[in-house]
Protein backbone atom coordinates (compact mmCIF):
# COMPACT_ATOMS: atom_id res chain seq x y z
CA GLN A 1 2.22 43.37 -6.42
CA VAL A 2 3.09 40.09 -8.12
CA ASP A 3 0.70 38.45 -10.54
CA LEU A 4 0.53 34.69 -10.87
CA VAL A 5 -1.17 33.47 -14.01
CA GLN A 6 -2.11 29.84 -14.31
CA SER A 7 -2.59 27.79 -17.44
CA GLY A 8 -3.43 24.21 -18.19
CA GLY A 9 -6.30 22.30 -16.69
CA GLY A 10 -9.31 20.79 -18.33
CA TRP A 11 -10.67 17.30 -18.52
CA VAL A 12 -8.31 14.35 -18.60
CA GLN A 13 -9.16 10.68 -18.69
CA PRO A 14 -8.61 8.73 -15.48
CA GLY A 15 -5.09 7.45 -15.53
CA GLY A 16 -4.04 10.27 -17.79
CA SER A 17 -1.53 13.06 -17.30
CA GLN A 18 -1.61 16.80 -17.29
CA THR A 19 0.70 19.66 -16.45
CA LEU A 20 -0.44 22.84 -14.77
CA SER A 21 1.65 25.98 -15.14
CA CYS A 22 1.96 29.10 -13.02
CA ALA A 23 3.80 32.11 -14.42
CA ALA A 24 4.87 35.00 -12.22
CA SER A 25 5.20 38.63 -13.28
CA VAL A 26 8.51 38.73 -11.41
CA SER A 27 10.95 36.02 -10.44
CA ILE A 28 9.74 34.73 -7.07
CA PHE A 29 9.70 30.96 -7.25
CA ASN A 30 13.30 30.58 -6.14
CA ALA A 31 12.92 33.13 -3.35
CA GLY A 32 10.73 31.27 -0.90
CA VAL A 33 8.12 28.63 -0.37
CA MET A 34 5.82 27.89 -3.25
CA GLY A 35 3.13 25.33 -3.67
CA TRP A 36 0.09 23.90 -5.33
CA TYR A 37 -3.24 23.62 -3.58
CA ARG A 38 -6.58 22.20 -4.61
CA GLN A 39 -10.18 22.55 -3.60
CA ALA A 40 -12.67 19.88 -4.50
CA PRO A 41 -16.42 20.60 -4.51
CA GLY A 42 -17.76 20.79 -0.98
CA LYS A 43 -14.31 20.63 0.57
CA GLU A 44 -11.80 23.11 1.91
CA ARG A 45 -8.70 24.05 -0.02
CA ASP A 46 -5.81 21.78 0.85
CA TRP A 47 -2.17 21.72 -0.03
CA VAL A 48 -0.93 19.22 -2.62
CA ALA A 49 2.77 19.89 -3.17
CA ILE A 50 5.23 22.31 -1.63
CA MET A 51 8.71 23.39 -2.71
CA THR A 52 11.09 25.53 -0.67
CA GLY A 53 13.42 28.13 -2.09
CA GLU A 54 16.22 25.59 -1.70
CA GLY A 55 14.32 23.08 -3.79
CA SER A 56 13.10 20.65 -1.15
CA THR A 57 9.72 19.16 -1.94
CA THR A 58 6.88 17.73 0.09
CA TYR A 59 3.83 15.97 -1.25
CA LYS A 60 0.45 15.07 0.14
CA ASP A 61 0.29 11.33 0.69
CA SER A 62 -2.51 10.97 -1.82
CA VAL A 63 -0.42 12.38 -4.69
CA ARG A 64 3.10 11.30 -3.77
CA GLY A 65 4.66 9.33 -6.59
CA ARG A 66 2.12 10.65 -9.11
CA PHE A 67 2.53 14.45 -8.95
CA THR A 68 5.71 16.46 -9.34
CA ILE A 69 6.23 20.11 -8.49
CA TYR A 70 9.07 21.89 -10.23
CA ARG A 71 10.12 25.34 -11.35
CA ASP A 72 12.21 26.86 -14.06
CA ASN A 73 15.77 27.97 -13.37
CA ASP A 74 14.87 31.66 -13.49
CA GLY A 75 12.17 31.33 -10.86
CA ASN A 76 9.59 32.83 -13.20
CA ALA A 77 7.36 29.80 -13.44
CA MET A 78 6.45 26.67 -11.61
CA TYR A 79 4.59 23.59 -12.68
CA LEU A 80 2.63 20.65 -11.39
CA GLN A 81 3.01 17.50 -13.43
CA MET A 82 0.11 15.20 -12.65
CA ASN A 83 0.26 11.57 -13.72
CA ALA A 84 -2.04 8.62 -13.21
CA LEU A 85 -4.98 10.87 -12.39
CA GLU A 86 -7.45 9.32 -9.97
CA PRO A 87 -11.13 9.98 -9.24
CA ASP A 88 -10.27 12.11 -6.20
CA ASP A 89 -7.97 14.43 -8.15
CA PRO A 90 -10.56 16.65 -9.89
CA ALA A 91 -10.62 20.04 -8.17
CA VAL A 92 -9.73 23.66 -8.66
CA TYR A 93 -5.96 23.84 -8.46
CA SER A 94 -4.24 27.04 -7.33
CA CYS A 95 -0.60 27.96 -7.27
CA GLN A 96 0.99 29.96 -4.50
CA GLY A 97 4.31 31.76 -4.49
CA VAL A 98 5.41 33.32 -1.21
CA VAL A 99 2.19 35.23 -0.39
CA TYR A 100 0.72 35.47 -3.87
CA TRP A 101 -1.91 33.25 -5.45
CA GLY A 102 -2.87 32.27 -8.94
CA GLN A 103 -6.41 32.56 -10.21
CA GLY A 104 -7.19 28.86 -10.00
CA THR A 105 -7.49 26.23 -12.71
CA GLN A 106 -10.28 23.73 -13.02
CA VAL A 107 -9.42 20.08 -13.45
CA PRO A 108 -12.91 18.67 -13.80
CA ALA A 109 -14.15 15.18 -13.22
CA PRO A 110 -14.62 13.08 -16.34
CA PRO A 111 -18.11 13.25 -17.85
């Protein structure tokens, strides 16, 4: 069993930036496909950014150029840097490593 623990999240002003983190109990993020997903209220969970074990990345059109997925060299953690946040970005963000999932992190809409 591998535990993925997320941190980060919380309210950010539109146009602002935030980094989500996902820490693994063992080094898995350089062993296979990993990614970030999000689920907005009333919608299904959808992928946002994917990285292969070799380091290739793919982004959803709506976040390309604004979000960056990356990992540390040891494969123990991965991150999602989110810039220029837009009104459609608020959601629960979840990390995935191989077959394991984080607990989810809320990025709420501005008040």
